[in-house]
Amino acid sequence: MKHRCNVLFYLKRGALLKSGDVPIMGRISIDGCRAQFSTRLALPPKAWDVAQNRAVGRSLEMVRINRELDRLRLGLMTTYETMLGRGLEPTPEGVRDRFFATTTRQEHILQLIERHNEAFKQQVGVDRSPSTLYKYRSVQQHVEAFIRQDWAKPDLPLTMLDRDFITAFHRYLLRDAGHRRNTAWVYLTALKHILGWARKQGVAVGDPFADYRLRSEFVQRTALSEEELRRLMSLEGLNPMLALVRDAFLFSCFTGLSFIDLKRLTRAHISQFGDHHWIETVRHKTGSQVQVRLLDVARAILDKYAPKDPRSAIFPLPSNSWCNRCLAQLMQLCEIEKRITFHCARHTFATTLALSHGMPIEAISKLLGHTSIRTTQIYATITRSHLDRELNRLSDEIESLSHCWRA
């Protein structure tokens, strides 16, 4: 029985690439049934002729694209005719899968992640951060360890990356790798982003994360109270390294700067407007602009450490892990029974100093350099002192009602 078979190409306009190009998709139709596929080609939307189903223009790139489209169309139609000749019932999925199985090398999971990470690496310093690359490489290491443990193989075909794989990998992160729920959530979300990138490249088919619910759990953000800040500020007799780490940590508490932004801070980032000094810098993690006015404590610390050379770092700090070990010693000296890391300085600035004293969360978000206010809302823990002030205000406003009460 002869069927009606047709192959056409179209632009996936909803998947605009960073280059401004749009992926070219293909569709094979047999008797009204359809199957889609990626051509792994892309071009500017204006360079596509919908009526002719081809790229327009005489540039070498447009010629190459049209030749590849001709090759795909001819190959799919030939595969369709071959299946008919062998007495097979051709379906759109069957023709597509048979054709691509014989013309492309099957990609593997770790190969895909490696390709993604290499492409991501090229954007580091442009619009991507080294810390995010480190996260993706950690995902790659965990997936490799998981495959070796559960399958005793160096890699697996991409076709095995399904919902069962995701479920088992999630269990591996929690049980075997010993990660907490939020850390596993970070790695799974990163893997989901990698697969999204792969689909845009025309490599992965389907979404194994479809209907797979990824949830993080709320974690109370650790911050120092005002009384604990006073104890830390009043410490005396510290050696030079502990004094440097303590002062840099306090500077971060009163400015909200992250460790990496603090370490890169120079006098060139300090400007004066009227009677006040401001920090003007770009946040390393997100590339967003940060403008923070120096409060009295921060200004005093700056005067103590600012070098003469405007290009030299104000705080010549060692690594983050080393500073965190110093902070652990400082907390012991202050008799503070909290696990404090350098990042807790941002929590302290957001909650103890800013939010608790009535600063709007929109302003806090701007000061912290967040690209989304949802990120800032994580810090929005209302402290007891803030609640006490608000309840006192409420009590004063409704005091007249108390006279109406008769015991």
Protein backbone atom coordinates (compact mmCIF):
# COMPACT_ATOMS: atom_id res chain seq x y z
CA MET A 1 0.00 0.00 0.00
CA LYS A 2 1.39 3.36 -1.05
CA HIS A 3 1.35 6.09 1.57
CA ARG A 4 1.55 9.84 1.28
CA CYS A 5 4.91 10.92 2.71
CA ASN A 6 6.20 14.45 3.00
CA VAL A 7 9.20 16.14 4.64
CA LEU A 8 9.23 19.84 5.45
CA PHE A 9 11.29 22.22 7.56
CA TYR A 10 10.32 25.16 9.76
CA LEU A 11 11.80 27.55 12.32
CA LYS A 12 11.38 26.96 16.05
CA ARG A 13 10.84 30.65 16.78
CA GLY A 14 10.15 30.12 20.46
CA ALA A 15 13.70 28.86 21.07
CA LEU A 16 15.77 31.92 20.16
CA LEU A 17 19.50 31.27 20.64
CA LYS A 18 21.89 33.77 22.23
CA SER A 19 23.39 34.43 18.82
CA GLY A 20 20.02 35.67 17.63
CA ASP A 21 19.58 32.64 15.34
CA VAL A 22 16.59 30.30 15.46
CA PRO A 23 16.85 26.48 15.21
CA ILE A 24 15.57 24.79 12.05
CA MET A 25 13.30 21.85 12.83
CA GLY A 26 12.06 19.13 10.51
CA ARG A 27 8.78 17.24 10.28
CA ILE A 28 8.02 14.01 8.47
CA SER A 29 4.35 13.32 7.74
CA ILE A 30 2.84 10.02 6.61
CA ASP A 31 -0.92 9.83 6.08
CA GLY A 32 -1.57 12.66 8.52
CA CYS A 33 0.71 11.32 11.26
CA ARG A 34 3.76 13.42 12.12
CA ALA A 35 7.16 13.12 13.80
CA GLN A 36 9.51 16.00 14.47
CA PHE A 37 13.28 16.09 14.46
CA SER A 38 16.08 18.60 14.81
CA THR A 39 18.29 19.43 11.86
CA ARG A 40 21.01 20.83 14.19
CA LEU A 41 20.98 23.93 11.98
CA ALA A 42 20.12 27.52 12.83
CA LEU A 43 19.89 30.85 11.02
CA PRO A 44 18.55 34.40 11.49
CA PRO A 45 14.73 34.46 11.21
CA LYS A 46 14.88 36.91 8.29
CA ALA A 47 16.99 34.44 6.30
CA TRP A 48 14.20 31.85 6.06
CA ASP A 49 11.73 31.58 3.19
CA VAL A 50 8.57 29.94 4.52
CA ALA A 51 7.04 29.38 1.10
CA GLN A 52 10.19 27.82 -0.40
CA ASN A 53 11.01 25.93 2.80
CA ARG A 54 14.64 27.00 2.41
CA ALA A 55 17.24 29.53 3.48
CA VAL A 56 17.51 32.66 1.36
CA GLY A 57 20.74 34.29 0.26
CA ARG A 58 23.87 33.25 -1.59
CA SER A 59 26.36 33.30 1.26
CA LEU A 60 28.39 30.17 1.86
CA GLU A 61 26.52 29.56 5.12
CA MET A 62 23.08 29.71 3.45
CA VAL A 63 24.28 27.42 0.66
CA ARG A 64 25.61 24.95 3.24
CA ILE A 65 22.29 24.98 5.12
CA ASN A 66 20.26 24.32 1.97
CA ARG A 67 22.54 21.47 0.95
CA GLU A 68 22.12 19.89 4.38
CA LEU A 69 18.35 20.28 4.19
CA ASP A 70 18.38 18.61 0.76
CA ARG A 71 20.48 15.76 2.19
CA LEU A 72 18.07 15.25 5.07
CA ARG A 73 15.00 15.31 2.84
CA LEU A 74 16.53 12.88 0.34
CA GLY A 75 17.76 10.57 3.09
CA LEU A 76 14.40 10.43 4.84
CA MET A 77 12.50 9.80 1.61
CA THR A 78 15.00 7.09 0.64
CA THR A 79 14.56 5.45 4.05
CA TYR A 80 10.79 5.58 3.57
CA GLU A 81 11.03 3.93 0.12
CA THR A 82 13.42 1.29 1.48
CA MET A 83 10.99 0.36 4.27
CA LEU A 84 8.19 0.03 1.74
CA GLY A 85 10.38 -2.13 -0.48
CA ARG A 86 11.08 -4.49 2.41
CA GLY A 87 7.43 -4.86 3.24
CA LEU A 88 7.64 -2.80 6.42
CA GLU A 89 4.83 -0.52 7.54
CA PRO A 90 6.42 2.95 7.59
CA THR A 91 5.53 5.34 10.39
CA PRO A 92 6.92 8.85 10.84
CA GLU A 93 8.77 7.80 14.00
CA GLY A 94 10.06 4.64 12.36
CA VAL A 95 11.41 6.45 9.29
CA ARG A 96 13.01 9.17 11.43
CA ASP A 97 14.64 6.80 13.91
CA ARG A 98 15.88 4.40 11.24
CA PHE A 99 17.41 7.23 9.20
CA PHE A 100 19.17 8.97 12.08
CA ALA A 101 20.35 5.68 13.60
CA THR A 102 22.33 4.97 10.44
CA THR A 103 23.62 8.50 9.81
CA THR A 104 24.61 9.77 13.26
CA ARG A 105 26.78 8.48 16.01
CA GLN A 106 24.84 7.92 19.21
CA GLU A 107 25.86 10.43 21.85
CA HIS A 108 26.52 9.44 25.44
CA ILE A 109 25.53 11.15 28.67
CA LEU A 110 28.97 12.18 29.90
CA GLN A 111 30.01 13.24 26.40
CA LEU A 112 27.00 15.53 26.29
CA ILE A 113 27.76 17.07 29.70
CA GLU A 114 31.40 17.56 28.71
CA ARG A 115 30.35 19.36 25.50
CA HIS A 116 28.02 21.59 27.50
CA ASN A 117 30.71 22.45 30.03
CA GLU A 118 33.23 23.27 27.32
CA ALA A 119 30.72 25.57 25.64
CA PHE A 120 29.91 27.15 29.00
CA LYS A 121 33.61 27.63 29.73
CA GLN A 122 33.93 29.85 26.64
CA GLN A 123 31.39 32.25 28.19
CA VAL A 124 33.09 32.52 31.59
CA GLY A 125 34.20 36.10 32.04
CA VAL A 126 31.69 37.27 29.43
CA ASP A 127 28.26 36.51 30.87
CA ARG A 128 28.96 33.44 33.00
CA SER A 129 30.78 33.01 36.32
CA PRO A 130 33.54 30.53 37.30
CA SER A 131 31.44 29.39 40.28
CA THR A 132 28.64 28.24 37.98
CA LEU A 133 31.14 26.38 35.80
CA TYR A 134 32.45 24.70 38.96
CA LYS A 135 28.88 23.59 39.75
CA TYR A 136 28.42 22.06 36.28
CA ARG A 137 31.74 20.25 36.57
CA SER A 138 30.67 18.89 39.95
CA VAL A 139 27.51 17.56 38.28
CA GLN A 140 29.69 15.86 35.67
CA GLN A 141 31.80 14.20 38.37
CA HIS A 142 28.74 13.00 40.26
CA VAL A 143 27.08 11.59 37.14
CA GLU A 144 30.30 9.78 36.22
CA ALA A 145 30.61 8.29 39.70
CA PHE A 146 26.93 7.29 39.64
CA ILE A 147 27.23 5.52 36.27
CA ARG A 148 30.37 3.66 37.33
CA GLN A 149 28.74 2.56 40.58
CA ASP A 150 25.33 1.48 39.27
CA TRP A 151 26.27 0.25 35.79
CA ALA A 152 30.01 -0.44 36.08
CA LYS A 153 30.53 1.37 32.75
CA PRO A 154 32.47 4.51 31.80
CA ASP A 155 29.41 6.07 30.10
CA LEU A 156 25.85 5.35 28.96
CA PRO A 157 23.95 6.12 25.75
CA LEU A 158 21.84 9.24 25.90
CA THR A 159 18.73 7.12 25.32
CA MET A 160 19.09 5.76 28.86
CA LEU A 161 18.73 9.20 30.37
CA ASP A 162 15.07 8.83 31.31
CA ARG A 163 12.93 9.39 34.39
CA ASP A 164 14.25 6.20 36.02
CA PHE A 165 17.80 7.50 35.57
CA ILE A 166 16.88 10.83 37.20
CA THR A 167 15.17 9.08 40.11
CA ALA A 168 18.15 6.79 40.71
CA PHE A 169 20.63 9.67 40.40
CA HIS A 170 18.61 11.71 42.91
CA ARG A 171 18.74 8.79 45.33
CA TYR A 172 22.50 8.45 44.74
CA LEU A 173 23.11 12.13 45.60
CA LEU A 174 21.20 11.80 48.87
CA ARG A 175 22.22 8.33 50.00
CA ASP A 176 25.62 7.51 48.50
CA ALA A 177 27.13 10.96 47.93
CA GLY A 178 25.80 12.08 51.32
CA HIS A 179 24.45 15.42 50.14
CA ARG A 180 21.65 17.27 51.82
CA ARG A 181 18.34 17.82 50.11
CA ASN A 182 19.12 21.36 48.95
CA THR A 183 22.52 20.38 47.54
CA ALA A 184 20.94 17.52 45.59
CA TRP A 185 18.33 20.00 44.34
CA VAL A 186 21.11 22.31 43.08
CA TYR A 187 22.82 19.48 41.16
CA LEU A 188 19.58 18.15 39.67
CA THR A 189 18.54 21.64 38.58
CA ALA A 190 21.94 22.07 36.90
CA LEU A 191 21.50 18.74 35.09
CA LYS A 192 18.05 19.87 33.97
CA HIS A 193 19.59 23.05 32.52
CA ILE A 194 22.19 20.95 30.66
CA LEU A 195 19.45 18.85 29.07
CA GLY A 196 17.55 21.99 28.11
CA TRP A 197 20.70 23.23 26.37
CA ALA A 198 20.99 19.85 24.62
CA ARG A 199 17.45 20.04 23.28
CA LYS A 200 18.15 23.50 21.86
CA GLN A 201 21.19 21.99 20.16
CA GLY A 202 18.99 19.28 18.67
CA VAL A 203 20.73 16.48 20.57
CA ALA A 204 18.39 15.30 23.32
CA VAL A 205 14.86 14.10 22.61
CA GLY A 206 12.26 14.34 25.34
CA ASP A 207 12.51 15.69 28.87
CA PRO A 208 13.23 13.14 31.64
CA PHE A 209 12.46 15.88 34.17
CA ALA A 210 8.90 16.29 32.89
CA ASP A 211 6.58 16.07 35.92
CA TYR A 212 9.58 15.30 38.13
CA ARG A 213 9.13 17.65 41.07
CA LEU A 214 12.31 19.31 42.25
CA ARG A 215 11.92 20.94 45.62
CA SER A 216 14.28 22.70 47.94
CA GLU A 217 13.65 22.93 51.64
CA PHE A 218 13.69 26.10 53.66
CA VAL A 219 16.91 26.61 55.58
CA GLN A 220 17.16 29.18 58.33
CA ARG A 221 19.86 31.63 57.27
CA THR A 222 22.48 32.06 59.97
CA ALA A 223 23.26 35.64 60.95
CA LEU A 224 24.81 37.43 63.89
CA SER A 225 22.62 39.44 66.21
CA GLU A 226 23.48 43.01 67.16
CA GLU A 227 24.74 41.82 70.54
CA GLU A 228 26.97 39.21 68.86
CA LEU A 229 28.27 41.84 66.46
CA ARG A 230 29.28 43.99 69.44
CA ARG A 231 31.14 41.06 70.99
CA LEU A 232 33.02 40.44 67.74
CA MET A 233 33.86 44.12 67.34
CA SER A 234 35.20 44.40 70.89
CA LEU A 235 37.68 41.50 70.61
CA GLU A 236 41.23 42.56 71.42
CA GLY A 237 44.68 41.01 71.29
CA LEU A 238 44.14 39.24 67.95
CA ASN A 239 47.05 38.18 65.78
CA PRO A 240 47.34 40.00 62.41
CA MET A 241 45.59 37.26 60.40
CA LEU A 242 42.61 36.93 62.75
CA ALA A 243 42.34 40.71 62.95
CA LEU A 244 42.30 41.00 59.16
CA VAL A 245 39.63 38.30 58.76
CA ARG A 246 37.54 39.79 61.60
CA ASP A 247 37.68 43.29 60.13
CA ALA A 248 36.97 42.10 56.58
CA PHE A 249 34.01 40.06 57.87
CA LEU A 250 32.67 43.10 59.73
CA PHE A 251 33.12 45.23 56.61
CA SER A 252 30.99 42.70 54.75
CA CYS A 253 28.41 42.76 57.56
CA PHE A 254 28.04 46.53 57.15
CA THR A 255 28.10 46.59 53.32
CA GLY A 256 26.61 43.25 52.23
CA LEU A 257 29.53 42.48 49.87
CA SER A 258 30.20 38.83 49.11
CA PHE A 259 33.60 37.30 49.79
CA ILE A 260 34.79 37.40 46.17
CA ASP A 261 33.61 41.01 45.69
CA LEU A 262 35.27 42.02 48.96
CA LYS A 263 38.52 40.35 47.95
CA ARG A 264 38.54 42.22 44.62
CA LEU A 265 37.69 45.58 46.21
CA THR A 266 40.15 48.42 45.61
CA ARG A 267 40.18 52.16 46.28
CA ALA A 268 39.13 52.61 42.67
CA HIS A 269 35.73 51.22 43.66
CA ILE A 270 35.25 53.95 46.30
CA SER A 271 33.66 57.27 45.29
CA GLN A 272 32.63 60.32 47.29
CA PHE A 273 29.30 62.06 46.89
CA GLY A 274 28.85 65.01 49.21
CA ASP A 275 29.79 64.02 52.74
CA HIS A 276 29.50 60.29 52.14
CA HIS A 277 31.60 57.59 50.51
CA TRP A 278 30.07 54.92 48.29
CA ILE A 279 31.18 51.55 46.95
CA GLU A 280 30.48 51.23 43.23
CA THR A 281 31.29 47.85 41.78
CA VAL A 282 29.92 45.01 39.67
CA ARG A 283 28.94 41.82 41.43
CA HIS A 284 31.21 39.01 40.27
CA LYS A 285 28.50 36.34 40.40
CA THR A 286 25.73 38.05 38.46
CA GLY A 287 27.38 41.03 36.75
CA SER A 288 24.82 43.38 38.33
CA GLN A 289 25.73 46.88 39.48
CA VAL A 290 26.18 47.39 43.23
CA GLN A 291 26.12 50.77 44.99
CA VAL A 292 26.49 50.80 48.77
CA ARG A 293 27.02 53.80 51.02
CA LEU A 294 29.71 53.28 53.65
CA LEU A 295 28.29 53.41 57.16
CA ASP A 296 30.50 54.63 60.00
CA VAL A 297 31.87 51.21 60.96
CA ALA A 298 32.68 50.30 57.35
CA ARG A 299 34.30 53.70 56.78
CA ALA A 300 36.53 53.25 59.87
CA ILE A 301 37.62 49.79 58.66
CA LEU A 302 38.32 51.19 55.19
CA ASP A 303 40.52 53.96 56.66
CA LYS A 304 42.48 51.32 58.54
CA TYR A 305 43.25 49.07 55.57
CA ALA A 306 43.05 51.16 52.39
CA PRO A 307 46.45 51.01 50.61
CA LYS A 308 48.03 53.96 48.87
CA ASP A 309 47.93 52.23 45.50
CA PRO A 310 44.33 52.56 44.22
CA ARG A 311 44.77 49.31 42.26
CA SER A 312 45.81 47.18 45.24
CA ALA A 313 43.29 45.03 47.08
CA ILE A 314 42.04 46.64 50.28
CA PHE A 315 41.69 43.29 52.03
CA PRO A 316 44.54 40.89 51.07
CA LEU A 317 42.57 37.83 52.18
CA PRO A 318 43.59 34.18 51.78
CA SER A 319 41.10 31.60 50.46
CA ASN A 320 37.47 31.50 51.53
CA SER A 321 37.96 28.17 53.33
CA TRP A 322 40.92 29.59 55.26
CA CYS A 323 38.87 32.62 56.30
CA ASN A 324 36.06 30.35 57.44
CA ARG A 325 38.47 28.47 59.69
CA CYS A 326 39.59 31.80 61.14
CA LEU A 327 35.96 32.76 61.71
CA ALA A 328 35.42 29.53 63.64
CA GLN A 329 38.25 30.57 65.99
CA LEU A 330 36.77 34.06 66.33
CA MET A 331 33.34 32.66 67.22
CA GLN A 332 34.93 30.54 69.96
CA LEU A 333 36.67 33.61 71.38
CA CYS A 334 33.32 35.44 71.35
CA GLU A 335 31.51 32.42 72.85
CA ILE A 336 29.11 32.42 69.92
CA GLU A 337 27.69 28.94 69.35
CA LYS A 338 26.81 29.34 65.69
CA ARG A 339 28.40 27.91 62.58
CA ILE A 340 29.46 31.16 60.92
CA THR A 341 30.94 31.32 57.43
CA PHE A 342 31.95 34.41 55.48
CA HIS A 343 28.68 34.32 53.57
CA CYS A 344 26.82 34.84 56.86
CA ALA A 345 28.00 38.46 56.69
CA ARG A 346 25.51 39.06 53.84
CA HIS A 347 22.78 37.43 55.94
CA THR A 348 23.71 39.69 58.85
CA PHE A 349 23.58 42.80 56.68
CA ALA A 350 20.22 41.81 55.17
CA THR A 351 18.43 40.73 58.35
CA THR A 352 20.07 42.14 61.48
CA LEU A 353 21.00 45.55 60.07
CA ALA A 354 18.70 46.28 57.13
CA LEU A 355 15.41 44.40 57.40
CA SER A 356 15.18 44.58 61.18
CA HIS A 357 15.56 48.35 61.06
CA GLY A 358 12.76 48.86 58.57
CA MET A 359 14.57 49.03 55.23
CA PRO A 360 12.28 47.95 52.35
CA ILE A 361 13.18 44.63 50.80
CA GLU A 362 13.41 46.28 47.35
CA ALA A 363 16.23 48.50 48.64
CA ILE A 364 17.97 45.52 50.27
CA SER A 365 17.78 43.62 46.99
CA LYS A 366 19.48 46.54 45.21
CA LEU A 367 22.22 46.79 47.82
CA LEU A 368 22.92 43.06 47.70
CA GLY A 369 23.15 43.11 43.89
CA HIS A 370 20.43 40.49 43.41
CA THR A 371 18.97 40.15 39.93
CA SER A 372 15.64 38.97 41.35
CA ILE A 373 13.81 40.08 44.48
CA ARG A 374 12.85 36.43 45.03
CA THR A 375 16.47 35.80 45.93
CA THR A 376 16.35 38.58 48.51
CA GLN A 377 13.20 37.16 50.06
CA ILE A 378 15.26 34.20 51.24
CA TYR A 379 16.95 36.59 53.67
CA ALA A 380 13.67 38.09 54.84
CA THR A 381 13.68 36.48 58.28
CA ILE A 382 11.94 38.80 60.71
CA THR A 383 13.96 38.98 63.89
CA ARG A 384 12.44 39.08 67.37
CA SER A 385 13.58 42.66 67.95
CA HIS A 386 11.80 43.76 64.78
CA LEU A 387 8.65 41.94 65.84
CA ASP A 388 8.86 43.52 69.27
CA ARG A 389 9.06 47.04 67.78
CA GLU A 390 6.17 46.36 65.45
CA LEU A 391 4.02 44.97 68.25
CA ASN A 392 4.83 47.98 70.44
CA ARG A 393 3.71 50.26 67.61
CA LEU A 394 0.53 48.22 67.18
CA SER A 395 -0.11 48.31 70.93
CA ASP A 396 0.15 52.11 70.96
CA GLU A 397 -2.24 52.45 68.03
CA ILE A 398 -4.96 50.24 69.52
CA GLU A 399 -4.53 51.36 73.12
CA SER A 400 -7.96 53.01 73.06
CA LEU A 401 -9.58 49.60 72.64
CA SER A 402 -8.20 48.43 75.99
CA HIS A 403 -10.47 50.89 77.81
CA CYS A 404 -13.50 49.07 76.44
CA TRP A 405 -12.57 45.80 78.12
CA ARG A 406 -14.31 44.90 81.34
CA ALA A 407 -13.03 41.89 83.24
